[in-house]
Every structure is written in C-alpha cells, then in structure tokens.
C-alpha cells in the first residue's frame, strides 16, 4: 500500500503511482537481499560480485516478483498485476457458478463479478488507508485528545444513525405487511 505522497503522485507526471511502485519492487527486494548476503554470507570481496549470494539466488529461483507486485493506492487505485488477479478471481467465480447452474451464463457475468470484486477490494483499500491516517492522530501532541473526542463523537453519531435506520426499516416493514390484501386504504 502506498501513501498519497509526492513520491508516488508527483504533479505533472502521467501514469499511476501504483504502477511506479510495482515496477520498483523487484529491484528493491533484490538490493535488500544482496545487502544481507554481503553482511551475513561473506559476499564478494573487493567490491565485485562474482555471483549472487544465497538469498538473492533463492529469491530469483522462486521467480522474484515477476514484473511487479500487488500495490494499492490511497484512492483505491491498483497496480496492473492486482487488476489481473481480480480478473482471475472473477473468471474463476464465474466458472464455479456456471458449473453449479449447469449452463453457461456468458461474458456479462464475468464483467459483473469483476466489478463487484473490484469494488469490495477498493473499498477495503480506502478504509485501511483512512484508518491508518486516523490512527496516526493518536500520536499527535496536544491535539490528540481533541481528535480522540471527535472520533468518539463521530462513532456515537454513526451508531445513532444506524439505530434510526433500523427503526425506520422496521416501521416500513410493519406498514407494508398491514396493507397486504387491501386495495385502497
């Protein structure tokens, strides 16, 4: 997950920050592992690397991160590999539903499932990002107690709204059931 910092979203630069981050991940992982090889596995001496150490070799044997990784941004934007994973989820779910029904539903089912999965994942990404921001408020100086009080007040209001919404729904259900069988009342 990346933040909304200038590093990933600079002004005047085309492209998504998630794509930039995903393209750098593989090299960053290899550099960290090469440093650990150097420190703990007696890496190449004299500044030359004859061959990669055991950690880098194992990382490459496992396939590394292929081209990138699963990166999510603060506004629900995702890297291309993440989008492909969501597409695989949707296709797999559509195949499973088709087998359960015994007939082929068509391409529209895959599109609908892709939208549902992407929406739920993006909402989770945005919630996690905002929760991280809110949790950092507790580490602020003199404004921390006021921020905590605002959060508590917001939670209380949200709880009250949920109760009101449930009460309205119950009333609506009771009125609707009393009209069954009556044409004009």
N, C-alpha and C. Protein backbone atom coordinates (compact mmCIF):
# COMPACT_ATOMS: atom_id res chain seq x y z
N UNK A 1 0.85 -1.17 0.00
CA UNK A 1 0.00 0.00 0.00
C UNK A 1 0.89 1.23 0.00
N UNK A 2 0.60 2.14 -0.87
CA UNK A 2 1.38 3.37 -0.92
C UNK A 2 0.56 4.53 -0.37
N UNK A 3 1.24 5.58 0.02
CA UNK A 3 0.56 6.75 0.54
C UNK A 3 0.29 7.74 -0.59
N UNK A 4 -0.29 8.86 -0.24
CA UNK A 4 -0.59 9.90 -1.23
C UNK A 4 0.53 10.92 -1.31
N UNK A 5 1.75 10.51 -1.05
CA UNK A 5 2.90 11.41 -1.03
C UNK A 5 3.32 11.81 -2.44
N UNK A 6 4.14 12.85 -2.52
CA UNK A 6 4.64 13.33 -3.81
C UNK A 6 5.53 12.30 -4.50
N UNK A 7 6.11 11.41 -3.71
CA UNK A 7 6.97 10.38 -4.29
C UNK A 7 6.21 9.56 -5.33
N UNK A 8 4.97 9.20 -5.00
CA UNK A 8 4.20 8.33 -5.88
C UNK A 8 3.23 9.08 -6.77
N UNK A 9 2.86 10.30 -6.37
CA UNK A 9 1.91 11.09 -7.15
C UNK A 9 2.46 12.50 -7.37
N UNK A 10 3.56 12.64 -8.11
CA UNK A 10 4.08 13.98 -8.36
C UNK A 10 3.21 14.74 -9.36
N UNK A 11 3.21 16.05 -9.24
CA UNK A 11 2.42 16.88 -10.17
C UNK A 11 3.01 16.84 -11.56
N UNK A 12 2.13 16.78 -12.53
CA UNK A 12 2.55 16.86 -13.92
C UNK A 12 3.14 15.58 -14.49
N UNK A 13 3.07 14.48 -13.78
CA UNK A 13 3.61 13.21 -14.26
C UNK A 13 2.45 12.29 -14.58
N UNK A 14 2.45 11.76 -15.80
CA UNK A 14 1.39 10.85 -16.22
C UNK A 14 1.63 9.47 -15.63
N UNK A 15 0.58 8.71 -15.53
CA UNK A 15 0.68 7.35 -15.01
C UNK A 15 0.24 7.30 -13.56
N UNK A 16 0.05 6.07 -13.09
CA UNK A 16 -0.40 5.89 -11.73
C UNK A 16 0.78 5.61 -10.81
N UNK A 17 0.65 6.04 -9.57
CA UNK A 17 1.68 5.80 -8.58
C UNK A 17 1.84 4.32 -8.28
N UNK A 18 0.75 3.57 -8.38
CA UNK A 18 0.84 2.14 -8.12
C UNK A 18 1.70 1.43 -9.17
N UNK A 19 1.63 1.90 -10.41
CA UNK A 19 2.47 1.31 -11.45
C UNK A 19 3.94 1.62 -11.20
N UNK A 20 4.23 2.86 -10.79
CA UNK A 20 5.62 3.22 -10.49
C UNK A 20 6.17 2.39 -9.34
N UNK A 21 5.37 2.23 -8.29
CA UNK A 21 5.82 1.45 -7.13
C UNK A 21 6.01 -0.02 -7.49
N UNK A 22 5.08 -0.59 -8.24
CA UNK A 22 5.18 -2.00 -8.62
C UNK A 22 6.42 -2.26 -9.47
N UNK A 23 6.78 -1.31 -10.32
CA UNK A 23 7.95 -1.52 -11.19
C UNK A 23 9.26 -1.48 -10.40
N UNK A 24 9.27 -0.83 -9.23
CA UNK A 24 10.49 -0.73 -8.43
C UNK A 24 10.66 -1.86 -7.41
N UNK A 25 9.61 -2.56 -7.11
CA UNK A 25 9.64 -3.53 -6.01
C UNK A 25 10.70 -4.62 -6.18
N UNK A 26 10.75 -5.23 -7.35
CA UNK A 26 11.67 -6.34 -7.56
C UNK A 26 13.12 -5.92 -7.31
N UNK A 27 13.53 -4.77 -7.85
CA UNK A 27 14.90 -4.29 -7.66
C UNK A 27 15.18 -3.96 -6.20
N UNK A 28 14.18 -3.38 -5.50
CA UNK A 28 14.37 -3.05 -4.09
C UNK A 28 14.55 -4.31 -3.25
N UNK A 29 13.76 -5.34 -3.53
CA UNK A 29 13.89 -6.58 -2.78
C UNK A 29 15.27 -7.21 -3.02
N UNK A 30 15.69 -7.23 -4.28
CA UNK A 30 17.00 -7.81 -4.58
C UNK A 30 18.13 -7.03 -3.92
N UNK A 31 18.03 -5.69 -3.88
CA UNK A 31 19.07 -4.88 -3.24
C UNK A 31 19.15 -5.17 -1.75
N UNK A 32 17.99 -5.30 -1.09
CA UNK A 32 17.98 -5.63 0.35
C UNK A 32 18.59 -7.01 0.59
N UNK A 33 18.21 -7.97 -0.23
CA UNK A 33 18.74 -9.32 -0.06
C UNK A 33 20.24 -9.37 -0.36
N UNK A 34 20.70 -8.60 -1.35
CA UNK A 34 22.13 -8.55 -1.65
C UNK A 34 22.90 -7.96 -0.47
N UNK A 35 22.32 -6.95 0.19
CA UNK A 35 22.96 -6.37 1.38
C UNK A 35 23.05 -7.41 2.50
N UNK A 36 22.00 -8.18 2.69
CA UNK A 36 22.03 -9.23 3.72
C UNK A 36 23.03 -10.33 3.36
N UNK A 37 23.11 -10.67 2.08
CA UNK A 37 24.13 -11.64 1.64
C UNK A 37 25.53 -11.12 1.95
N UNK A 38 25.75 -9.85 1.68
CA UNK A 38 27.06 -9.23 1.93
C UNK A 38 27.39 -9.28 3.41
N UNK A 39 26.41 -8.95 4.26
CA UNK A 39 26.66 -8.89 5.70
C UNK A 39 26.80 -10.26 6.34
N UNK A 40 25.95 -11.20 6.01
CA UNK A 40 25.89 -12.45 6.75
C UNK A 40 26.44 -13.67 6.03
N UNK A 41 26.62 -13.58 4.75
CA UNK A 41 27.10 -14.74 3.99
C UNK A 41 28.42 -14.46 3.31
N UNK A 42 29.18 -13.52 3.86
CA UNK A 42 30.50 -13.20 3.32
C UNK A 42 30.46 -13.01 1.82
N UNK A 43 29.81 -11.95 1.42
CA UNK A 43 29.65 -11.65 0.00
C UNK A 43 30.99 -11.42 -0.68
N UNK A 44 30.92 -11.03 -1.92
CA UNK A 44 32.14 -10.84 -2.72
C UNK A 44 33.03 -9.79 -2.08
N UNK A 45 34.30 -10.03 -2.13
CA UNK A 45 35.27 -9.11 -1.54
C UNK A 45 35.82 -8.18 -2.61
N UNK A 46 36.26 -7.02 -2.19
CA UNK A 46 36.85 -6.07 -3.12
C UNK A 46 35.82 -5.30 -3.93
N UNK A 47 34.55 -5.35 -3.54
CA UNK A 47 33.52 -4.56 -4.22
C UNK A 47 32.98 -5.21 -5.48
N UNK A 48 33.47 -6.39 -5.87
CA UNK A 48 32.96 -7.04 -7.07
C UNK A 48 32.10 -8.23 -6.68
N UNK A 49 31.02 -8.37 -7.34
CA UNK A 49 30.17 -9.51 -7.08
C UNK A 49 30.39 -10.54 -8.18
N UNK A 50 31.01 -11.66 -7.82
CA UNK A 50 31.25 -12.71 -8.79
C UNK A 50 29.94 -13.41 -9.14
N UNK A 51 29.14 -13.71 -8.13
CA UNK A 51 27.84 -14.34 -8.34
C UNK A 51 26.93 -13.93 -7.19
N UNK A 52 25.64 -14.02 -7.38
CA UNK A 52 24.74 -13.61 -6.30
C UNK A 52 24.84 -14.55 -5.10
N UNK A 53 24.55 -14.01 -3.94
CA UNK A 53 24.59 -14.79 -2.71
C UNK A 53 23.40 -15.74 -2.62
N UNK A 54 23.32 -16.51 -1.54
CA UNK A 54 22.24 -17.50 -1.42
C UNK A 54 20.83 -16.90 -1.32
N UNK A 55 20.72 -15.74 -0.69
CA UNK A 55 19.39 -15.14 -0.56
C UNK A 55 18.88 -14.62 -1.90
N UNK A 56 19.74 -13.93 -2.63
CA UNK A 56 19.34 -13.41 -3.94
C UNK A 56 19.06 -14.58 -4.89
N UNK A 57 19.90 -15.61 -4.83
CA UNK A 57 19.69 -16.78 -5.70
C UNK A 57 18.35 -17.44 -5.41
N UNK A 58 18.03 -17.59 -4.13
CA UNK A 58 16.75 -18.21 -3.76
C UNK A 58 15.58 -17.35 -4.22
N UNK A 59 15.70 -16.04 -4.04
CA UNK A 59 14.65 -15.12 -4.48
C UNK A 59 14.42 -15.25 -5.99
N UNK A 60 15.50 -15.34 -6.75
CA UNK A 60 15.38 -15.48 -8.21
C UNK A 60 14.83 -16.85 -8.58
N UNK A 61 15.23 -17.90 -7.84
CA UNK A 61 14.72 -19.24 -8.11
C UNK A 61 13.21 -19.33 -7.90
N UNK A 62 12.73 -18.60 -6.91
CA UNK A 62 11.29 -18.58 -6.63
C UNK A 62 10.52 -17.73 -7.64
N UNK A 63 11.22 -17.04 -8.51
CA UNK A 63 10.57 -16.24 -9.54
C UNK A 63 10.52 -14.77 -9.21
N UNK A 64 11.09 -14.37 -8.08
CA UNK A 64 11.05 -12.96 -7.71
C UNK A 64 9.62 -12.48 -7.61
N UNK A 65 9.40 -11.27 -8.00
CA UNK A 65 8.05 -10.72 -8.03
C UNK A 65 7.53 -10.64 -9.45
N UNK A 66 8.16 -11.40 -10.34
CA UNK A 66 7.84 -11.37 -11.77
C UNK A 66 8.08 -9.95 -12.28
N UNK A 67 7.04 -9.25 -12.67
CA UNK A 67 7.24 -7.91 -13.19
C UNK A 67 7.01 -6.86 -12.13
N UNK A 68 6.22 -7.13 -11.19
CA UNK A 68 5.88 -6.12 -10.20
C UNK A 68 5.29 -6.76 -8.98
N UNK A 69 4.28 -6.17 -8.46
CA UNK A 69 3.65 -6.71 -7.27
C UNK A 69 2.24 -6.21 -7.14
N UNK A 70 1.61 -6.61 -6.06
CA UNK A 70 0.25 -6.18 -5.78
C UNK A 70 0.33 -4.91 -4.95
N UNK A 71 0.12 -3.78 -5.62
CA UNK A 71 0.25 -2.48 -4.96
C UNK A 71 -1.09 -1.77 -5.04
N UNK A 72 -1.48 -1.18 -3.91
CA UNK A 72 -2.74 -0.44 -3.83
C UNK A 72 -2.45 0.98 -3.39
N UNK A 73 -3.21 1.92 -3.94
CA UNK A 73 -3.03 3.33 -3.62
C UNK A 73 -4.11 3.81 -2.66
N UNK A 74 -3.96 5.02 -2.17
CA UNK A 74 -4.88 5.54 -1.16
C UNK A 74 -6.29 5.85 -1.68
N UNK A 75 -6.48 5.91 -2.97
CA UNK A 75 -7.79 6.22 -3.54
C UNK A 75 -8.40 5.00 -4.22
N UNK A 76 -7.90 3.82 -3.87
CA UNK A 76 -8.45 2.60 -4.44
C UNK A 76 -7.85 2.23 -5.78
N UNK A 77 -6.84 2.96 -6.24
CA UNK A 77 -6.21 2.58 -7.49
C UNK A 77 -5.28 1.40 -7.22
N UNK A 78 -5.14 0.52 -8.21
CA UNK A 78 -4.37 -0.69 -8.04
C UNK A 78 -3.39 -0.88 -9.19
N UNK A 79 -2.37 -1.69 -8.95
CA UNK A 79 -1.37 -1.96 -9.99
C UNK A 79 -1.95 -2.92 -11.02
N UNK A 80 -1.34 -2.99 -12.21
CA UNK A 80 -1.84 -3.89 -13.26
C UNK A 80 -1.88 -5.35 -12.82
N UNK A 81 -0.89 -5.79 -12.04
CA UNK A 81 -0.90 -7.17 -11.57
C UNK A 81 -2.08 -7.43 -10.63
N UNK A 82 -2.41 -6.43 -9.83
CA UNK A 82 -3.56 -6.54 -8.93
C UNK A 82 -4.84 -6.64 -9.75
N UNK A 83 -4.94 -5.86 -10.83
CA UNK A 83 -6.11 -5.91 -11.70
C UNK A 83 -6.24 -7.29 -12.37
N UNK A 84 -5.10 -7.87 -12.76
CA UNK A 84 -5.13 -9.21 -13.35
C UNK A 84 -5.58 -10.25 -12.33
N UNK A 85 -5.16 -10.09 -11.08
CA UNK A 85 -5.58 -11.02 -10.03
C UNK A 85 -7.09 -10.93 -9.81
N UNK A 86 -7.63 -9.73 -9.82
CA UNK A 86 -9.08 -9.56 -9.67
C UNK A 86 -9.81 -10.21 -10.84
N UNK A 87 -9.25 -10.07 -12.04
CA UNK A 87 -9.86 -10.70 -13.23
C UNK A 87 -9.85 -12.22 -13.09
N UNK A 88 -8.76 -12.77 -12.57
CA UNK A 88 -8.67 -14.22 -12.36
C UNK A 88 -9.71 -14.66 -11.34
N UNK A 89 -9.86 -13.89 -10.25
CA UNK A 89 -10.88 -14.20 -9.25
C UNK A 89 -12.27 -14.24 -9.89
N UNK A 90 -12.58 -13.23 -10.71
CA UNK A 90 -13.91 -13.14 -11.32
C UNK A 90 -14.15 -14.30 -12.29
N UNK A 91 -13.16 -14.62 -13.12
CA UNK A 91 -13.31 -15.72 -14.07
C UNK A 91 -13.49 -17.05 -13.35
N UNK A 92 -12.73 -17.25 -12.28
CA UNK A 92 -12.85 -18.47 -11.50
C UNK A 92 -14.23 -18.58 -10.85
N UNK A 93 -14.71 -17.47 -10.30
CA UNK A 93 -16.02 -17.46 -9.67
C UNK A 93 -17.12 -17.71 -10.71
N UNK A 94 -16.98 -17.12 -11.90
CA UNK A 94 -17.97 -17.33 -12.96
C UNK A 94 -18.00 -18.80 -13.40
N UNK A 95 -16.83 -19.40 -13.54
CA UNK A 95 -16.78 -20.82 -13.91
C UNK A 95 -17.44 -21.68 -12.85
N UNK A 96 -17.19 -21.35 -11.59
CA UNK A 96 -17.80 -22.10 -10.49
C UNK A 96 -19.32 -21.95 -10.51
N UNK A 97 -19.81 -20.73 -10.73
CA UNK A 97 -21.26 -20.50 -10.79
C UNK A 97 -21.87 -21.23 -11.99
N UNK A 98 -21.16 -21.24 -13.13
CA UNK A 98 -21.67 -21.93 -14.32
C UNK A 98 -21.77 -23.44 -14.07
N UNK A 99 -20.76 -24.01 -13.40
CA UNK A 99 -20.81 -25.44 -13.09
C UNK A 99 -21.96 -25.74 -12.14
N UNK A 100 -22.18 -24.85 -11.16
CA UNK A 100 -23.25 -25.08 -10.20
C UNK A 100 -24.63 -25.01 -10.87
N UNK A 101 -24.79 -24.12 -11.84
CA UNK A 101 -26.07 -23.96 -12.54
C UNK A 101 -26.27 -25.02 -13.61
N UNK A 102 -25.16 -25.46 -14.19
CA UNK A 102 -25.24 -26.43 -15.27
C UNK A 102 -25.36 -25.82 -16.65
N UNK A 103 -25.17 -24.52 -16.76
CA UNK A 103 -25.22 -23.85 -18.05
C UNK A 103 -24.30 -22.64 -18.05
N UNK A 104 -23.95 -22.18 -19.23
CA UNK A 104 -23.02 -21.05 -19.39
C UNK A 104 -23.78 -19.73 -19.32
N UNK A 105 -23.33 -18.85 -18.42
CA UNK A 105 -24.03 -17.57 -18.24
C UNK A 105 -23.56 -16.50 -19.22
N UNK A 106 -22.34 -16.57 -19.71
CA UNK A 106 -21.86 -15.60 -20.69
C UNK A 106 -20.86 -14.62 -20.11
N UNK A 107 -20.40 -13.71 -20.98
CA UNK A 107 -19.37 -12.74 -20.60
C UNK A 107 -19.88 -11.68 -19.64
N UNK A 108 -21.17 -11.39 -19.68
CA UNK A 108 -21.69 -10.35 -18.79
C UNK A 108 -21.55 -10.74 -17.32
N UNK A 109 -21.59 -12.03 -17.03
CA UNK A 109 -21.41 -12.49 -15.65
C UNK A 109 -20.00 -12.19 -15.17
N UNK A 110 -19.00 -12.42 -16.02
CA UNK A 110 -17.62 -12.14 -15.65
C UNK A 110 -17.43 -10.64 -15.41
N UNK A 111 -18.02 -9.82 -16.24
CA UNK A 111 -17.93 -8.37 -16.07
C UNK A 111 -18.58 -7.90 -14.78
N UNK A 112 -19.75 -8.45 -14.48
CA UNK A 112 -20.44 -8.07 -13.25
C UNK A 112 -19.65 -8.50 -12.02
N UNK A 113 -19.13 -9.73 -12.06
CA UNK A 113 -18.34 -10.23 -10.93
C UNK A 113 -17.05 -9.43 -10.76
N UNK A 114 -16.42 -9.06 -11.88
CA UNK A 114 -15.20 -8.24 -11.80
C UNK A 114 -15.50 -6.92 -11.11
N UNK A 115 -16.60 -6.29 -11.48
CA UNK A 115 -16.99 -5.03 -10.84
C UNK A 115 -17.25 -5.18 -9.35
N UNK A 116 -17.96 -6.26 -8.98
CA UNK A 116 -18.25 -6.48 -7.57
C UNK A 116 -16.99 -6.72 -6.75
N UNK A 117 -16.10 -7.56 -7.28
CA UNK A 117 -14.87 -7.87 -6.56
C UNK A 117 -13.99 -6.64 -6.46
N UNK A 118 -13.86 -5.92 -7.56
CA UNK A 118 -13.02 -4.71 -7.55
C UNK A 118 -13.57 -3.67 -6.58
N UNK A 119 -14.88 -3.50 -6.58
CA UNK A 119 -15.49 -2.53 -5.67
C UNK A 119 -15.24 -2.90 -4.21
N UNK A 120 -15.42 -4.16 -3.86
CA UNK A 120 -15.22 -4.55 -2.47
C UNK A 120 -13.76 -4.43 -2.06
N UNK A 121 -12.85 -4.78 -2.95
CA UNK A 121 -11.42 -4.66 -2.62
C UNK A 121 -11.02 -3.19 -2.51
N UNK A 122 -11.49 -2.36 -3.43
CA UNK A 122 -11.13 -0.94 -3.39
C UNK A 122 -11.70 -0.24 -2.16
N UNK A 123 -12.91 -0.62 -1.75
CA UNK A 123 -13.47 -0.04 -0.53
C UNK A 123 -12.61 -0.44 0.68
N UNK A 124 -12.19 -1.69 0.71
CA UNK A 124 -11.32 -2.14 1.80
C UNK A 124 -9.99 -1.40 1.80
N UNK A 125 -9.45 -1.15 0.62
CA UNK A 125 -8.18 -0.42 0.50
C UNK A 125 -8.34 1.00 1.03
N UNK A 126 -9.40 1.67 0.61
CA UNK A 126 -9.61 3.05 1.04
C UNK A 126 -9.86 3.11 2.55
N UNK A 127 -10.65 2.18 3.07
CA UNK A 127 -10.89 2.14 4.51
C UNK A 127 -9.59 1.93 5.28
N UNK A 128 -8.76 1.01 4.82
CA UNK A 128 -7.49 0.74 5.50
C UNK A 128 -6.59 1.96 5.47
N UNK A 129 -6.54 2.63 4.33
CA UNK A 129 -5.72 3.83 4.21
C UNK A 129 -6.19 4.92 5.17
N UNK A 130 -7.49 5.14 5.21
CA UNK A 130 -8.02 6.18 6.09
C UNK A 130 -7.90 5.81 7.56
N UNK A 131 -8.02 4.52 7.86
CA UNK A 131 -7.84 4.08 9.24
C UNK A 131 -6.41 4.31 9.70
N UNK A 132 -5.46 4.06 8.81
CA UNK A 132 -4.05 4.34 9.16
C UNK A 132 -3.85 5.83 9.45
N UNK A 133 -4.47 6.68 8.65
CA UNK A 133 -4.35 8.12 8.89
C UNK A 133 -4.98 8.51 10.23
N UNK A 134 -6.14 7.94 10.53
CA UNK A 134 -6.79 8.26 11.79
C UNK A 134 -6.00 7.74 12.99
N UNK A 135 -5.39 6.58 12.85
CA UNK A 135 -4.61 6.03 13.95
C UNK A 135 -3.38 6.88 14.24
N UNK A 136 -2.86 7.52 13.22
CA UNK A 136 -1.70 8.40 13.44
C UNK A 136 -2.06 9.63 14.25
N UNK A 137 -3.34 10.00 14.25
CA UNK A 137 -3.76 11.16 15.03
C UNK A 137 -3.52 10.96 16.52
N UNK A 138 -3.57 9.71 16.97
CA UNK A 138 -3.36 9.45 18.39
C UNK A 138 -1.91 9.73 18.79
N UNK A 139 -1.03 9.85 17.83
CA UNK A 139 0.37 10.10 18.13
C UNK A 139 0.73 11.58 18.05
N UNK A 140 -0.27 12.40 17.83
CA UNK A 140 -0.03 13.84 17.76
C UNK A 140 0.17 14.41 19.16
N UNK A 141 0.64 15.60 19.23
CA UNK A 141 0.89 16.26 20.51
C UNK A 141 -0.37 16.70 21.20
N UNK A 142 -0.52 17.99 21.46
CA UNK A 142 -1.65 18.48 22.24
C UNK A 142 -3.01 18.30 21.55
N UNK A 143 -3.04 18.09 20.27
CA UNK A 143 -4.31 17.93 19.56
C UNK A 143 -4.86 16.52 19.63
N UNK A 144 -4.10 15.57 20.19
CA UNK A 144 -4.53 14.18 20.21
C UNK A 144 -5.80 13.97 21.02
N UNK A 145 -5.93 14.53 22.23
CA UNK A 145 -7.19 14.32 22.97
C UNK A 145 -8.41 14.88 22.23
N UNK A 146 -8.25 16.03 21.61
CA UNK A 146 -9.37 16.62 20.87
C UNK A 146 -9.74 15.73 19.68
N UNK A 147 -8.73 15.19 18.99
CA UNK A 147 -9.01 14.30 17.86
C UNK A 147 -9.72 13.04 18.33
N UNK A 148 -9.28 12.49 19.47
CA UNK A 148 -9.93 11.30 20.01
C UNK A 148 -11.38 11.60 20.38
N UNK A 149 -11.64 12.76 20.95
CA UNK A 149 -13.01 13.14 21.29
C UNK A 149 -13.86 13.27 20.04
N UNK A 150 -13.30 13.85 18.97
CA UNK A 150 -14.05 13.96 17.71
C UNK A 150 -14.36 12.59 17.14
N UNK A 151 -13.40 11.67 17.22
CA UNK A 151 -13.63 10.32 16.72
C UNK A 151 -14.74 9.64 17.51
N UNK A 152 -14.71 9.79 18.84
CA UNK A 152 -15.75 9.18 19.67
C UNK A 152 -17.13 9.77 19.35
N UNK A 153 -17.17 11.07 19.14
CA UNK A 153 -18.43 11.72 18.81
C UNK A 153 -18.95 11.23 17.46
N UNK A 154 -18.06 11.08 16.49
CA UNK A 154 -18.43 10.58 15.17
C UNK A 154 -18.94 9.15 15.27
N UNK A 155 -18.27 8.31 16.05
CA UNK A 155 -18.71 6.93 16.22
C UNK A 155 -20.10 6.89 16.88
N UNK A 156 -20.32 7.75 17.86
CA UNK A 156 -21.61 7.80 18.53
C UNK A 156 -22.71 8.22 17.54
N UNK A 157 -22.43 9.25 16.73
CA UNK A 157 -23.42 9.69 15.73
C UNK A 157 -23.71 8.59 14.72
N UNK A 158 -22.68 7.88 14.30
CA UNK A 158 -22.87 6.81 13.35
C UNK A 158 -23.72 5.70 13.96
N UNK A 159 -23.48 5.38 15.22
CA UNK A 159 -24.28 4.38 15.92
C UNK A 159 -25.74 4.83 15.99
N UNK A 160 -25.97 6.09 16.31
CA UNK A 160 -27.33 6.63 16.39
C UNK A 160 -28.02 6.55 15.03
N UNK A 161 -27.30 6.89 13.96
CA UNK A 161 -27.89 6.81 12.61
C UNK A 161 -28.26 5.39 12.25
N UNK A 162 -27.40 4.43 12.64
CA UNK A 162 -27.71 3.03 12.37
C UNK A 162 -28.98 2.60 13.10
N UNK A 163 -29.12 3.03 14.35
CA UNK A 163 -30.33 2.70 15.11
C UNK A 163 -31.56 3.32 14.46
N UNK A 164 -31.47 4.57 14.03
CA UNK A 164 -32.60 5.24 13.37
C UNK A 164 -32.94 4.55 12.05
N UNK A 165 -31.93 4.17 11.30
CA UNK A 165 -32.16 3.50 10.02
C UNK A 165 -32.86 2.16 10.25
N UNK A 166 -32.42 1.41 11.25
CA UNK A 166 -33.06 0.13 11.57
C UNK A 166 -34.50 0.33 12.02
N UNK A 167 -34.75 1.36 12.86
CA UNK A 167 -36.11 1.64 13.32
C UNK A 167 -37.01 2.01 12.14
N UNK A 168 -36.52 2.84 11.23
CA UNK A 168 -37.29 3.22 10.05
C UNK A 168 -37.62 1.99 9.21
N UNK A 169 -36.64 1.11 9.06
CA UNK A 169 -36.84 -0.09 8.27
C UNK A 169 -37.91 -0.99 8.90
N UNK A 170 -37.87 -1.12 10.22
CA UNK A 170 -38.87 -1.93 10.91
C UNK A 170 -40.28 -1.34 10.75
N UNK A 171 -40.39 -0.02 10.86
CA UNK A 171 -41.69 0.63 10.66
C UNK A 171 -42.18 0.42 9.24
N UNK A 172 -41.31 0.57 8.29
CA UNK A 172 -41.67 0.37 6.89
C UNK A 172 -42.16 -1.05 6.65
N UNK A 173 -41.47 -2.03 7.24
CA UNK A 173 -41.90 -3.42 7.08
C UNK A 173 -43.26 -3.66 7.71
N UNK A 174 -43.49 -3.06 8.89
CA UNK A 174 -44.78 -3.27 9.56
C UNK A 174 -45.93 -2.62 8.78
N UNK A 175 -45.72 -1.44 8.23
CA UNK A 175 -46.77 -0.79 7.43
C UNK A 175 -47.04 -1.55 6.16
N UNK A 176 -46.01 -2.06 5.56
CA UNK A 176 -46.17 -2.79 4.31
C UNK A 176 -46.94 -4.09 4.55
N UNK A 177 -46.66 -4.77 5.64
CA UNK A 177 -47.36 -6.03 5.89
C UNK A 177 -48.82 -5.81 6.25
N UNK A 178 -49.17 -4.64 6.79
CA UNK A 178 -50.57 -4.39 7.13
C UNK A 178 -51.40 -4.07 5.90
N UNK A 179 -50.79 -3.79 4.78
CA UNK A 179 -51.53 -3.44 3.56
C UNK A 179 -51.79 -4.62 2.67
N UNK A 180 -51.26 -5.77 3.03
CA UNK A 180 -51.43 -6.93 2.18
C UNK A 180 -52.92 -7.26 2.09
N UNK A 181 -53.45 -7.39 0.89
CA UNK A 181 -54.84 -7.75 0.69
C UNK A 181 -55.80 -6.58 0.66
N UNK A 182 -55.32 -5.37 0.90
CA UNK A 182 -56.18 -4.18 0.88
C UNK A 182 -55.84 -3.36 -0.35
N UNK A 183 -56.80 -3.13 -1.17
CA UNK A 183 -56.53 -2.41 -2.41
C UNK A 183 -56.44 -0.91 -2.19
N UNK A 184 -57.43 -0.32 -1.50
CA UNK A 184 -57.44 1.12 -1.30
C UNK A 184 -57.70 1.43 0.17
N UNK A 185 -56.67 1.84 0.85
CA UNK A 185 -56.85 2.25 2.25
C UNK A 185 -56.04 3.50 2.48
